[in-house]
């Protein structure tokens, strides 16, 4: 961040002349001003000041989206100073947190209170508000995304008012569960969580033929089942995935199985890679150190095998130079209006590409293949969705737009990426 530092009427520092980059280095822009308020009062004041100055507003998390979701020429906000668990309720299985809380910060505090997040993905650096806004997920045929766990949200809307939404406001809640940040600034959320649980990890390396033979068995017989198909022998190395010596990984999968187990600590803890046993929040995250960009689409579960087979064929015949693993996961249906899982169980296919390369022809061909499967996009990853397509994909789009306009009548929270889709 560069440029002069001033103060808003709220007392929050306003930085000007900064350059913002996402983690994948494919989104770069300079907002008119940047602020990271240190209290809810400062946050409300700086939002109201921006509204008075006629600025559009977007909120940045940790930059793990590949799309220009947070890009703005107005005010860019960070909630990094509004972070931490604000309350738990073991009887109701609920946890509250500031919107800027990283997923990694939930583990220990929830565990001390006998609770745990019901599911997680590979990455735990995202803020909870960002993860919710984009429908971030883990894997499991009976497990939903972070968004589906939201039971309460407090936001600052497009008029500067603080608004609370809970289960008594079911339509507003379904809009807020996956909002792309287009309803307002998320201050605090409450999640439905689980009693604390341990997981047993089993990592295997089956050939794709074995994987396809057991396609309808594996996901349904484990709490978490996912895999990364390796098109070449060195594909696993790109994600720093340990593989057995002497085993060629081309056309094999790095397969992850996590099942809940009852153990006593510390004796029951196992740290051996590939067969760890530990608290759930220590098992889920995986380290992907190399910078990359991603596209991710969701197809109906019943068509998943066919969709994966066609993507595999596309890579093997037309794009053999694309050597990153292809990740496949499962996500249960939910009721959020803009959720890829809206009233549909899905299988997610994640296509990873090297940052800074011309991957667009490849991704466009992937898009064309998966569009035939009624695919829906992951909002935080690269996609080619148009207004016409989302009208087909999301039957409650108009309802979402109506609710959104009530929260943001002057389109303060839309940017050039979202306006054609939601405006």
Protein backbone atom coordinates (compact mmCIF):
# COMPACT_ATOMS: atom_id res chain seq x y z
CA UNK A 1 0.00 0.00 0.00
CA UNK A 2 1.33 3.41 -0.93
CA UNK A 3 0.13 7.00 -0.88
CA UNK A 4 -0.95 9.50 1.74
CA UNK A 5 -2.90 8.52 4.79
CA UNK A 6 -5.79 10.66 6.02
CA UNK A 7 -8.60 10.28 8.52
CA UNK A 8 -12.31 9.93 7.92
CA UNK A 9 -14.89 11.58 10.11
CA UNK A 10 -15.12 8.23 11.91
CA UNK A 11 -11.47 8.28 12.94
CA UNK A 12 -10.67 5.34 10.65
CA UNK A 13 -7.58 5.86 8.52
CA UNK A 14 -8.25 6.35 4.80
CA UNK A 15 -5.39 5.27 2.54
CA UNK A 16 -5.23 6.63 -0.98
CA UNK A 17 -3.10 5.64 -3.94
CA UNK A 18 -2.86 2.00 -2.90
CA UNK A 19 -2.72 -0.91 -5.37
CA UNK A 20 -4.73 -4.00 -4.42
CA UNK A 21 -3.84 -7.47 -5.76
CA UNK A 22 -5.57 -10.75 -5.12
CA UNK A 23 -3.71 -13.89 -4.06
CA UNK A 24 -3.73 -15.30 -7.60
CA UNK A 25 -2.24 -12.05 -8.99
CA UNK A 26 -4.84 -11.85 -11.79
CA UNK A 27 -6.90 -9.03 -10.27
CA UNK A 28 -5.20 -5.66 -9.77
CA UNK A 29 -6.80 -2.25 -9.23
CA UNK A 30 -6.52 1.04 -7.35
CA UNK A 31 -9.54 2.16 -5.31
CA UNK A 32 -10.13 5.83 -4.57
CA UNK A 33 -9.73 5.05 -0.87
CA UNK A 34 -9.04 2.12 1.43
CA UNK A 35 -10.06 1.72 5.06
CA UNK A 36 -9.76 -0.99 7.72
CA UNK A 37 -11.99 0.22 10.59
CA UNK A 38 -11.20 -1.01 14.09
CA UNK A 39 -14.74 -1.03 15.46
CA UNK A 40 -18.29 -1.42 14.26
CA UNK A 41 -18.88 2.25 15.01
CA UNK A 42 -15.94 3.26 12.80
CA UNK A 43 -17.18 0.92 10.08
CA UNK A 44 -20.67 2.45 10.07
CA UNK A 45 -19.25 5.97 9.99
CA UNK A 46 -16.84 5.30 7.11
CA UNK A 47 -19.61 3.65 5.07
CA UNK A 48 -21.89 6.63 5.65
CA UNK A 49 -19.11 9.03 4.70
CA UNK A 50 -18.52 7.14 1.46
CA UNK A 51 -22.24 7.23 0.70
CA UNK A 52 -22.24 10.99 1.28
CA UNK A 53 -19.28 11.34 -1.09
CA UNK A 54 -21.07 9.31 -3.80
CA UNK A 55 -18.58 6.45 -3.73
CA UNK A 56 -19.31 2.85 -4.53
CA UNK A 57 -18.22 0.37 -1.86
CA UNK A 58 -16.75 -3.11 -1.96
CA UNK A 59 -15.23 -5.27 0.77
CA UNK A 60 -12.01 -7.27 0.38
CA UNK A 61 -11.35 -10.45 2.29
CA UNK A 62 -8.03 -12.24 1.93
CA UNK A 63 -8.06 -12.08 -1.87
CA UNK A 64 -8.67 -15.74 -2.65
CA UNK A 65 -11.27 -15.06 -5.35
CA UNK A 66 -10.07 -15.27 -8.95
CA UNK A 67 -12.89 -13.01 -10.20
CA UNK A 68 -13.06 -9.18 -9.94
CA UNK A 69 -15.61 -9.38 -7.14
CA UNK A 70 -14.07 -6.66 -4.96
CA UNK A 71 -12.82 -4.35 -7.70
CA UNK A 72 -13.95 -0.76 -7.24
CA UNK A 73 -12.98 2.78 -8.11
CA UNK A 74 -14.64 3.88 -4.88
CA UNK A 75 -14.07 2.79 -1.28
CA UNK A 76 -12.46 -0.58 -0.62
CA UNK A 77 -13.01 -1.88 2.91
CA UNK A 78 -11.13 -4.52 4.87
CA UNK A 79 -12.66 -6.20 7.92
CA UNK A 80 -9.30 -7.55 9.12
CA UNK A 81 -9.63 -5.61 12.38
CA UNK A 82 -13.13 -6.94 13.02
CA UNK A 83 -12.14 -10.52 13.65
CA UNK A 84 -12.84 -13.15 16.28
CA UNK A 85 -15.53 -15.38 17.74
CA UNK A 86 -18.19 -13.27 19.47
CA UNK A 87 -20.25 -16.05 21.07
CA UNK A 88 -21.16 -19.74 21.12
CA UNK A 89 -24.21 -21.71 22.19
CA UNK A 90 -23.58 -25.43 22.71
CA UNK A 91 -27.25 -26.31 23.25
CA UNK A 92 -28.33 -24.63 19.99
CA UNK A 93 -25.10 -25.56 18.20
CA UNK A 94 -24.45 -22.00 17.10
CA UNK A 95 -21.37 -19.80 16.80
CA UNK A 96 -21.16 -16.07 16.11
CA UNK A 97 -18.18 -14.24 14.62
CA UNK A 98 -17.13 -10.91 13.18
CA UNK A 99 -17.25 -10.86 9.38
CA UNK A 100 -13.49 -10.49 9.08
CA UNK A 101 -12.73 -13.67 11.02
CA UNK A 102 -10.52 -16.09 9.04
CA UNK A 103 -11.81 -19.65 8.87
CA UNK A 104 -8.57 -20.72 10.57
CA UNK A 105 -9.59 -18.75 13.67
CA UNK A 106 -12.69 -20.85 14.37
CA UNK A 107 -10.97 -24.10 15.33
CA UNK A 108 -9.56 -23.66 18.81
CA UNK A 109 -12.25 -21.32 20.27
CA UNK A 110 -15.11 -23.53 19.09
CA UNK A 111 -13.38 -26.68 20.30
CA UNK A 112 -12.99 -25.24 23.80
CA UNK A 113 -16.78 -24.85 23.84
CA UNK A 114 -17.45 -28.36 22.52
CA UNK A 115 -18.18 -27.26 18.94
CA UNK A 116 -16.68 -27.40 15.45
CA UNK A 117 -17.41 -26.21 11.93
CA UNK A 118 -19.48 -28.90 10.21
CA UNK A 119 -17.27 -28.89 7.13
CA UNK A 120 -14.31 -27.06 5.60
CA UNK A 121 -12.46 -26.85 2.32
CA UNK A 122 -8.75 -27.12 1.59
CA UNK A 123 -8.06 -23.43 2.23
CA UNK A 124 -8.67 -21.84 5.63
CA UNK A 125 -7.32 -18.33 5.04
CA UNK A 126 -10.58 -16.82 3.71
CA UNK A 127 -12.63 -14.55 5.92
CA UNK A 128 -15.95 -16.03 6.96
CA UNK A 129 -17.87 -13.18 5.30
CA UNK A 130 -16.05 -13.79 2.01
CA UNK A 131 -16.51 -17.55 2.21
CA UNK A 132 -20.24 -17.10 2.80
CA UNK A 133 -20.67 -14.49 0.07
CA UNK A 134 -19.24 -16.80 -2.58
CA UNK A 135 -20.65 -20.15 -1.44
CA UNK A 136 -17.31 -21.65 -0.39
CA UNK A 137 -17.55 -25.37 0.46
CA UNK A 138 -15.81 -28.58 1.40
CA UNK A 139 -16.87 -32.04 0.25
CA UNK A 140 -19.50 -34.53 1.37
CA UNK A 141 -22.74 -35.71 -0.20
CA UNK A 142 -24.63 -34.86 2.99
CA UNK A 143 -22.70 -31.69 3.83
CA UNK A 144 -23.56 -28.18 2.64
CA UNK A 145 -21.48 -25.06 2.04
CA UNK A 146 -20.59 -22.40 4.59
CA UNK A 147 -23.43 -20.29 3.19
CA UNK A 148 -26.09 -22.84 4.05
CA UNK A 149 -24.98 -22.76 7.69
CA UNK A 150 -25.79 -19.05 8.09
CA UNK A 151 -28.66 -18.42 10.53
CA UNK A 152 -28.14 -14.72 11.29
CA UNK A 153 -26.32 -11.83 9.66
CA UNK A 154 -25.89 -8.19 10.59
CA UNK A 155 -25.06 -5.88 7.70
CA UNK A 156 -24.68 -2.22 6.86
CA UNK A 157 -26.97 -1.59 3.91
CA UNK A 158 -26.81 0.88 1.02
CA UNK A 159 -28.35 3.66 3.07
CA UNK A 160 -25.90 3.30 5.93
CA UNK A 161 -28.36 1.58 8.26
CA UNK A 162 -27.43 -1.47 10.33
CA UNK A 163 -29.87 -4.29 9.51
CA UNK A 164 -30.27 -7.67 11.23
CA UNK A 165 -31.51 -10.73 9.34
CA UNK A 166 -32.40 -14.03 10.99
CA UNK A 167 -34.53 -17.12 10.43
CA UNK A 168 -37.72 -15.11 10.92
CA UNK A 169 -36.81 -13.25 7.71
CA UNK A 170 -36.42 -16.36 5.58
CA UNK A 171 -36.44 -14.70 2.15
CA UNK A 172 -33.91 -12.06 3.18
CA UNK A 173 -31.78 -14.77 4.82
CA UNK A 174 -31.76 -16.85 1.63
CA UNK A 175 -30.61 -13.78 -0.28
CA UNK A 176 -27.91 -12.98 2.29
CA UNK A 177 -26.54 -16.53 2.42
CA UNK A 178 -24.90 -16.11 -1.01
CA UNK A 179 -24.93 -12.40 -1.78
CA UNK A 180 -21.58 -11.71 -3.54
CA UNK A 181 -21.33 -8.73 -1.19
CA UNK A 182 -24.17 -7.05 -3.08
CA UNK A 183 -26.55 -6.51 -0.13
CA UNK A 184 -24.13 -4.62 2.09
CA UNK A 185 -21.17 -4.90 4.43
CA UNK A 186 -21.35 -8.02 6.60
CA UNK A 187 -20.50 -7.08 10.17
CA UNK A 188 -21.33 -10.28 12.08
CA UNK A 189 -22.68 -13.74 11.28
CA UNK A 190 -24.10 -16.69 13.18
CA UNK A 191 -23.49 -20.20 11.91
CA UNK A 192 -25.11 -23.54 12.59
CA UNK A 193 -22.20 -25.74 13.72
CA UNK A 194 -21.63 -29.29 15.00
CA UNK A 195 -20.57 -30.88 18.27
CA UNK A 196 -16.80 -31.26 18.22
CA UNK A 197 -15.56 -34.34 16.34
CA UNK A 198 -12.36 -36.07 15.29
CA UNK A 199 -11.54 -37.29 11.80
CA UNK A 200 -9.56 -40.23 10.49
CA UNK A 201 -7.76 -39.53 7.23
CA UNK A 202 -7.20 -42.15 4.53
CA UNK A 203 -5.20 -41.15 1.45
CA UNK A 204 -5.09 -43.53 -1.53
CA UNK A 205 -3.87 -43.33 -5.12
CA UNK A 206 -6.26 -45.35 -7.32
CA UNK A 207 -6.04 -45.49 -11.09
CA UNK A 208 -8.86 -43.62 -12.79
CA UNK A 209 -10.44 -46.91 -13.93
CA UNK A 210 -10.86 -48.01 -10.32
CA UNK A 211 -12.20 -44.60 -9.42
CA UNK A 212 -14.82 -44.77 -12.17
CA UNK A 213 -15.82 -48.31 -11.19
CA UNK A 214 -16.61 -47.18 -7.63
CA UNK A 215 -18.01 -43.78 -8.61
CA UNK A 216 -21.43 -44.27 -7.01
CA UNK A 217 -20.04 -45.98 -3.89
CA UNK A 218 -17.16 -43.84 -2.58
CA UNK A 219 -18.88 -40.47 -2.01
CA UNK A 220 -21.87 -41.99 -0.22
CA UNK A 221 -19.93 -44.19 2.20
CA UNK A 222 -17.73 -41.54 3.81
CA UNK A 223 -18.28 -38.24 5.59
CA UNK A 224 -15.83 -36.59 3.22
CA UNK A 225 -14.71 -38.01 -0.12
CA UNK A 226 -12.84 -36.04 -2.78
CA UNK A 227 -10.07 -36.57 -5.26
CA UNK A 228 -7.53 -34.79 -7.42
CA UNK A 229 -7.08 -36.48 -10.78
CA UNK A 230 -3.50 -36.19 -12.03
CA UNK A 231 -3.15 -35.96 -15.82
CA UNK A 232 0.65 -36.39 -15.68
CA UNK A 233 3.25 -37.97 -13.40
CA UNK A 234 4.36 -34.61 -11.96
CA UNK A 235 0.87 -33.15 -11.49
CA UNK A 236 0.72 -33.92 -7.75
CA UNK A 237 3.95 -31.99 -7.16
CA UNK A 238 2.28 -28.78 -8.29
CA UNK A 239 -0.03 -29.00 -5.27
CA UNK A 240 2.72 -30.34 -2.99
CA UNK A 241 0.82 -33.61 -2.60
CA UNK A 242 2.96 -36.46 -1.20
CA UNK A 243 2.85 -39.59 -3.35
CA UNK A 244 4.34 -43.08 -2.89
CA UNK A 245 7.79 -43.73 -4.28
CA UNK A 246 7.80 -45.74 -7.49
CA UNK A 247 4.14 -45.07 -8.32
CA UNK A 248 3.51 -43.21 -11.58
CA UNK A 249 0.69 -40.75 -10.96
CA UNK A 250 -0.39 -40.17 -14.56
CA UNK A 251 -4.12 -40.98 -14.78
CA UNK A 252 -4.28 -41.72 -11.07
CA UNK A 253 -6.04 -39.76 -8.35
CA UNK A 254 -4.89 -38.43 -5.00
CA UNK A 255 -7.99 -39.47 -3.05
CA UNK A 256 -8.98 -38.03 0.33
CA UNK A 257 -11.33 -39.83 2.70
CA UNK A 258 -12.22 -38.37 6.11
CA UNK A 259 -14.46 -40.29 8.49
CA UNK A 260 -15.58 -39.27 11.98
CA UNK A 261 -14.09 -41.36 14.82
CA UNK A 262 -14.26 -41.33 18.60
CA UNK A 263 -10.89 -41.11 20.32
CA UNK A 264 -9.35 -39.90 23.55
CA UNK A 265 -6.67 -37.21 23.40
CA UNK A 266 -3.75 -37.26 23.33
CA UNK A 267 -3.30 -41.00 22.94
CA UNK A 268 -5.63 -41.33 19.96
CA UNK A 269 -3.94 -38.62 17.91
CA UNK A 270 -2.03 -39.91 14.87
CA UNK A 271 0.21 -37.57 12.85
CA UNK A 272 1.50 -39.88 10.12
CA UNK A 273 0.84 -38.29 6.71
CA UNK A 274 -1.92 -40.08 4.86
CA UNK A 275 -3.46 -41.69 7.94
CA UNK A 276 -3.74 -38.86 10.42
CA UNK A 277 -6.30 -38.85 13.23
CA UNK A 278 -6.96 -35.51 14.85
CA UNK A 279 -9.46 -32.77 15.55
CA UNK A 280 -11.56 -31.99 12.48
CA UNK A 281 -10.19 -28.49 11.94
CA UNK A 282 -6.64 -29.84 11.87
CA UNK A 283 -7.43 -32.44 9.22
CA UNK A 284 -9.40 -30.43 6.63
CA UNK A 285 -6.88 -27.75 5.52
CA UNK A 286 -4.26 -28.59 2.91
CA UNK A 287 -1.27 -26.55 1.77
CA UNK A 288 -1.33 -25.30 -1.82
CA UNK A 289 1.68 -22.99 -1.85
CA UNK A 290 2.05 -22.31 -5.58
CA UNK A 291 0.08 -19.31 -6.89
CA UNK A 292 -2.58 -20.28 -9.44
CA UNK A 293 -5.99 -19.29 -10.83
CA UNK A 294 -9.09 -21.47 -10.90
CA UNK A 295 -12.38 -22.12 -12.61
CA UNK A 296 -14.97 -24.19 -10.79
CA UNK A 297 -18.37 -25.37 -11.96
CA UNK A 298 -21.04 -27.48 -10.28
CA UNK A 299 -22.98 -30.15 -12.15
CA UNK A 300 -25.89 -32.27 -10.88
CA UNK A 301 -24.53 -35.20 -8.87
CA UNK A 302 -26.22 -37.77 -11.06
CA UNK A 303 -24.32 -36.43 -14.09
CA UNK A 304 -20.98 -36.06 -12.36
CA UNK A 305 -19.30 -39.18 -13.71
CA UNK A 306 -20.12 -38.26 -17.29
CA UNK A 307 -18.98 -34.66 -16.83
CA UNK A 308 -15.65 -35.68 -15.29
CA UNK A 309 -15.06 -38.21 -18.08
CA UNK A 310 -15.57 -35.53 -20.74
CA UNK A 311 -13.22 -33.07 -19.01
CA UNK A 312 -10.59 -35.79 -18.70
CA UNK A 313 -10.96 -36.53 -22.41
CA UNK A 314 -10.69 -32.83 -23.30
CA UNK A 315 -7.41 -32.49 -21.39
CA UNK A 316 -5.89 -35.70 -22.73
CA UNK A 317 -6.72 -35.02 -26.37
CA UNK A 318 -6.64 -31.23 -26.80
CA UNK A 319 -4.77 -29.73 -23.83
CA UNK A 320 -2.03 -32.17 -22.75
CA UNK A 321 0.07 -29.20 -21.61
CA UNK A 322 -2.45 -28.51 -18.83
CA UNK A 323 -0.88 -30.55 -16.05
CA UNK A 324 -2.51 -29.28 -12.86
CA UNK A 325 -4.67 -31.80 -10.99
CA UNK A 326 -8.43 -31.60 -11.48
CA UNK A 327 -10.25 -31.60 -8.15
CA UNK A 328 -13.66 -33.23 -7.73
CA UNK A 329 -15.89 -32.76 -4.67
CA UNK A 330 -19.52 -33.22 -3.66
CA UNK A 331 -21.87 -30.67 -2.02
CA UNK A 332 -25.42 -31.11 -0.70
CA UNK A 333 -28.38 -28.98 -1.78
CA UNK A 334 -29.47 -25.81 0.03
CA UNK A 335 -32.01 -22.99 -0.30
CA UNK A 336 -29.90 -19.87 -0.91
CA UNK A 337 -31.17 -18.10 -4.01
CA UNK A 338 -27.76 -17.60 -5.68
CA UNK A 339 -26.18 -20.78 -4.36
CA UNK A 340 -24.89 -23.21 -6.99
CA UNK A 341 -26.55 -25.85 -4.80
CA UNK A 342 -29.97 -24.19 -4.89
CA UNK A 343 -32.34 -27.15 -4.51
CA UNK A 344 -29.79 -29.44 -6.15
CA UNK A 345 -27.10 -31.87 -4.97
CA UNK A 346 -23.95 -31.12 -6.92
CA UNK A 347 -20.54 -32.38 -7.88
CA UNK A 348 -17.90 -29.67 -8.17
CA UNK A 349 -15.16 -29.80 -10.81
CA UNK A 350 -12.23 -27.44 -10.18
CA UNK A 351 -9.88 -26.58 -13.04
CA UNK A 352 -6.56 -25.07 -11.98
CA UNK A 353 -4.31 -23.09 -14.32
CA UNK A 354 -0.90 -21.45 -13.97
CA UNK A 355 -1.10 -17.77 -13.08
CA UNK A 356 0.13 -15.41 -15.78
CA UNK A 357 -0.40 -17.81 -18.69
CA UNK A 358 -2.89 -17.62 -21.57
CA UNK A 359 -5.35 -20.17 -20.23
CA UNK A 360 -8.48 -18.62 -21.74
CA UNK A 361 -8.91 -20.98 -24.75
CA UNK A 362 -8.66 -23.96 -22.41
CA UNK A 363 -11.11 -22.55 -19.87
CA UNK A 364 -13.58 -21.56 -22.60
CA UNK A 365 -13.57 -25.13 -23.88
CA UNK A 366 -14.10 -26.41 -20.34
CA UNK A 367 -17.00 -23.98 -20.00
CA UNK A 368 -18.54 -25.20 -23.26
CA UNK A 369 -18.30 -28.84 -22.17
CA UNK A 370 -19.82 -28.27 -18.74
CA UNK A 371 -22.57 -25.95 -19.96
CA UNK A 372 -24.14 -29.03 -21.56
CA UNK A 373 -24.45 -30.43 -18.01
CA UNK A 374 -26.44 -27.47 -16.68
CA UNK A 375 -23.36 -26.31 -14.80
CA UNK A 376 -23.48 -23.46 -12.29
CA UNK A 377 -20.42 -21.34 -11.41
CA UNK A 378 -18.47 -20.91 -8.21
CA UNK A 379 -18.80 -17.14 -7.79
CA UNK A 380 -15.30 -16.70 -6.43
CA UNK A 381 -13.58 -18.49 -9.29
CA UNK A 382 -13.22 -17.75 -13.00
CA UNK A 383 -16.37 -18.29 -15.02
CA UNK A 384 -18.08 -17.14 -18.22
CA UNK A 385 -21.54 -16.59 -16.81
CA UNK A 386 -23.75 -14.01 -18.52
CA UNK A 387 -27.05 -12.51 -17.46
CA UNK A 388 -28.91 -14.79 -19.83
CA UNK A 389 -27.20 -17.84 -18.43
CA UNK A 390 -27.80 -17.02 -14.78
CA UNK A 391 -31.47 -16.39 -15.54
CA UNK A 392 -31.51 -20.01 -16.71
CA UNK A 393 -29.34 -21.35 -13.89
CA UNK A 394 -30.95 -19.61 -10.92
CA UNK A 395 -34.77 -19.70 -10.88
CA UNK A 396 -34.97 -17.24 -7.97
CA UNK A 397 -32.74 -14.59 -9.55
CA UNK A 398 -35.56 -12.05 -9.80
CA UNK A 399 -36.47 -12.58 -6.15
CA UNK A 400 -32.85 -12.03 -5.18
CA UNK A 401 -32.68 -8.86 -7.28
CA UNK A 402 -35.85 -7.50 -5.68
CA UNK A 403 -34.48 -8.07 -2.17
CA UNK A 404 -31.10 -6.70 -3.16
CA UNK A 405 -32.64 -3.47 -4.43
CA UNK A 406 -34.40 -3.03 -1.09
CA UNK A 407 -31.08 -3.23 0.74
CA UNK A 408 -29.13 -1.24 -1.86
CA UNK A 409 -31.55 1.05 -3.76
CA UNK A 410 -28.74 3.12 -5.32
CA UNK A 411 -26.54 0.16 -6.38
CA UNK A 412 -23.72 1.27 -4.10
CA UNK A 413 -22.45 -2.29 -3.66
CA UNK A 414 -22.37 -3.23 -7.35
CA UNK A 415 -19.24 -2.96 -9.47
CA UNK A 416 -18.49 -3.42 -13.17
CA UNK A 417 -18.35 -7.20 -12.71
CA UNK A 418 -21.66 -7.56 -10.86
CA UNK A 419 -23.75 -4.85 -12.52
CA UNK A 420 -24.35 -6.79 -15.77
CA UNK A 421 -25.26 -9.89 -13.75
CA UNK A 422 -27.40 -8.47 -10.94
CA UNK A 423 -28.22 -4.84 -11.74
